[in-house]
Amino acid sequence: PFPSMESLSKLSLNVMERHPTSPSPMPLSTNIAR
């Protein structure tokens, strides 16, 4: 049911590309992974 790490990494990269001024989405990705 959980997205793969590859999907999360791609999603985080997309977020960074779309919102470069926003805080780093990496903490969100790690929280989702956990």
Protein backbone atom coordinates (compact mmCIF):
# COMPACT_ATOMS: atom_id res chain seq x y z
CA PRO A 1 0.00 0.00 0.00
CA PHE A 2 2.95 2.33 0.57
CA PRO A 3 4.72 4.01 -2.36
CA SER A 4 8.19 2.75 -3.17
CA MET A 5 11.29 4.69 -2.18
CA GLU A 6 11.86 5.46 -5.85
CA SER A 7 8.42 7.04 -6.07
CA LEU A 8 9.04 9.07 -2.91
CA SER A 9 12.39 10.29 -4.21
CA LYS A 10 10.84 11.31 -7.53
CA LEU A 11 7.97 13.01 -5.72
CA SER A 12 10.35 14.95 -3.47
CA LEU A 13 12.39 16.00 -6.51
CA ASN A 14 9.23 17.21 -8.23
CA VAL A 15 8.25 19.19 -5.14
CA MET A 16 11.68 20.83 -4.98
CA GLU A 17 11.50 21.71 -8.67
CA ARG A 18 8.02 23.19 -8.37
CA HIS A 19 8.61 25.00 -5.06
CA PRO A 20 12.31 25.91 -4.81
CA THR A 21 11.59 28.59 -2.18
CA SER A 22 9.66 26.25 0.12
CA PRO A 23 11.38 24.34 2.96
CA SER A 24 13.13 21.13 2.01
CA PRO A 25 10.56 18.35 1.42
CA MET A 26 13.04 15.68 2.47
CA PRO A 27 11.77 15.57 6.11
CA LEU A 28 8.27 14.98 4.76
CA SER A 29 9.54 12.15 2.58
CA THR A 30 11.36 10.51 5.49
CA ASN A 31 8.26 10.83 7.68
CA ILE A 32 6.13 9.20 4.99
CA ALA A 33 8.70 6.44 4.57
CA ARG A 34 8.62 5.77 8.30
